[in-house]
Amino acid sequence: MTLAADLRSGKNHRGENFPVASRLIQARYRKPIMAFYNFVRTADDIADHATLPPADKLALLDSLEATLLGQSNAEPEGVALRSVLAERSLSPQHAQDLLTAFRLDVTKQRYRDWDDLMNYCRYSAMPVGRFVLDVHGEPRACWPANDALCAALQIINHLQDCGKDYRNLDRVYLPLDLLAAHGAGVEDLKKPAATPQLRACLSDLCARVAGLLQQSAGFSDQIGDRGLRLEVAVIQRLAERLTRTLRDHDPLSERVHLGKLEIAGLALLGIMQSASRRVTGRNGRHAGAANGAANAAATASGSSFYAAMRILPREQRSAMFDIYAFCRAVDDIADEAGDRAERLARLAQWRHDIDALYEGAAPAHLQSLARAVHAFDLARADFRAVIDGMEMDVRADIRAPDLETLDLYCDHVASAVGRLSVRVFGMAQDDGVALAHHLGRALQLTNTLRDLDEDAGIGRLYLPRELLEKAGIAPDEPQVVLANPALGKVCTAVAARAAEHFDEADAIMARAPRAVARAPRIMAEAYRRILSRLIARGWSPPRAPVKLGKGQIAQILIRSFVS
């Protein structure tokens, strides 16, 4: 007697277009999800079997259902899922709904219109997400967004495989009325390339899928479980990219799938995007000074700093955003226009507030930072040093400082932040201080070169006086200095100093535990890339802005985990 398991195609969860019980999902939830997947995969392989007669397919699907419901023990996948459902007090209804869809695959080859197709998705796709939500104990209020995302995923799959489904199984999931409306027909699916009429139909369907994805855009924010929330964010991101890819490519003549590296990058960006929304709160509820870390996370989102901090465990991540919020607040005072005396008074108030924090009377807007200070034994002197650095900018616009003053400035505005950060990262004391010294200066010197024109626009010039004079440039008005043909000599020398500090920082991180050094490594690689691009671009005007895109940041993140 043929069992359902005998007809498995060999495809497993790693071969699916979208994550199935990925490592984002907590281990205790993976067993029921995998039991559900194996049951569904078996039923799907039966329905798609190329030579099995329809009556035999239906009989085997019935056998799976009978086993699921405890009416027999014929099918191992049915027994396994039944056992898991009993352990968790879960209903078999979602699995039964999917069996309804597989019976439709056996008996129905065409779909009349969009509503007819969506009814199919009601049984073929939506129960998958509903089951996973039930496993996690999520409320049914999540179902509408889940249903939209699952339907979108199903139709994406139909569009990817539209030619293969027709040639191999005589199935057409493209609504017949849409084909007709665009002047296309079912027979167009046999052609080696899509006709203009079929492409128009496919584009129409991509637009409808995009509409479904708009409905599911807030789905991950509705989910309480962190792992599931992140996995859904990843799937949403992948679906959005695939929809754009399908819109721009022909699934009959091209393989419209994403590569492994692209999937990994999009996955990381999806995680970052979801985490950003979670930090800043749903519907913008977190506002005001007391939530500086949340606002800082939103401001930093998409930057290399943000990417590096998001990979940290929750307590460290929260502390880093608290530190960032402090730095952002005092930096804004230093950079804004306005009366210098008034800005100095505001910085003095920040110094007073930091002192109050350390004396056990933290003001309301520093309560979260106070927790970070106590958790990681952060030094008061480093916070005060950051404020001192901002005061250097406020007292007078810095123009061509000598090397000693520039080094002090770098220590205050960058290395002091590094000394706070390495405490959070958990680095050993001596190596941590040394890393903060070198990496802080490397980053700040790179910023100096990157922001030459922006700084000059507000009357500042951080290039060192000694190097300017050596190049024969009078340390005068910033705009005049930047127009001098010898500017490249100065910038090249500053870039060399930055590179030396990067090398020293790399040597320190190389001997530190990988997990401890991962966040600073990400920052270092991102800024090294910026420095390399600045050098390649050159220093002559017009100087095109240099920054890293999200895809490049994602690539750095991937490298930090696999290298």
Foldseek 3Di string as FASTA:
>chain_A
DDALVVQQPPDAQVPDQAHQCPPLHDPVLNQLSRLLRVLLSSLLSLLQPQPDALVVSLVNLVVLVCLLVVVDVRYVSSVSNNVVCVVVVHDCVLVVLCSVLSNCSSPPAAAADPVSLLVSLVRNWLSSQVVSCVSVVADCVLSLLSSLLRSLVVVLVCLLCVLVCCVRPVHHSQHQVLLVVLPHDSVQSPDLWHDPSVLVSQLVVLVVNVVSLVSNVCSLVSDDRLSVSLSVLLSSQLSVVLSVQSNVDTSSNDNSGDDPLVSLLSSLLSNLVSVLDVLCDPPNPDDDLLSLLNVQLVVCRFALLNSLLSVDPDLLSLLLSLLSSLLVVLLCLLPDDDDLVVSLVVLVVVLVQLVCLVVPRHPSSCPSNSVSCVVLVQDSVLSVLLSVLSNVSSVDAAFQAAPVVLLSSLCSNFLSSQLRSLSSLPWDNVLSSLLSSLLSLLLVLLVLLLCLPVSLVVFHHSQHNVQCVVLVHDRDRSVVLLQDPSNQSSNVVSLVSSVVSLVSNVVSLVPTPLSSCLSVQSVSVQSVVQSVVSVVQTRHPPRDRDHDGSSVSSVSNVVSPPD
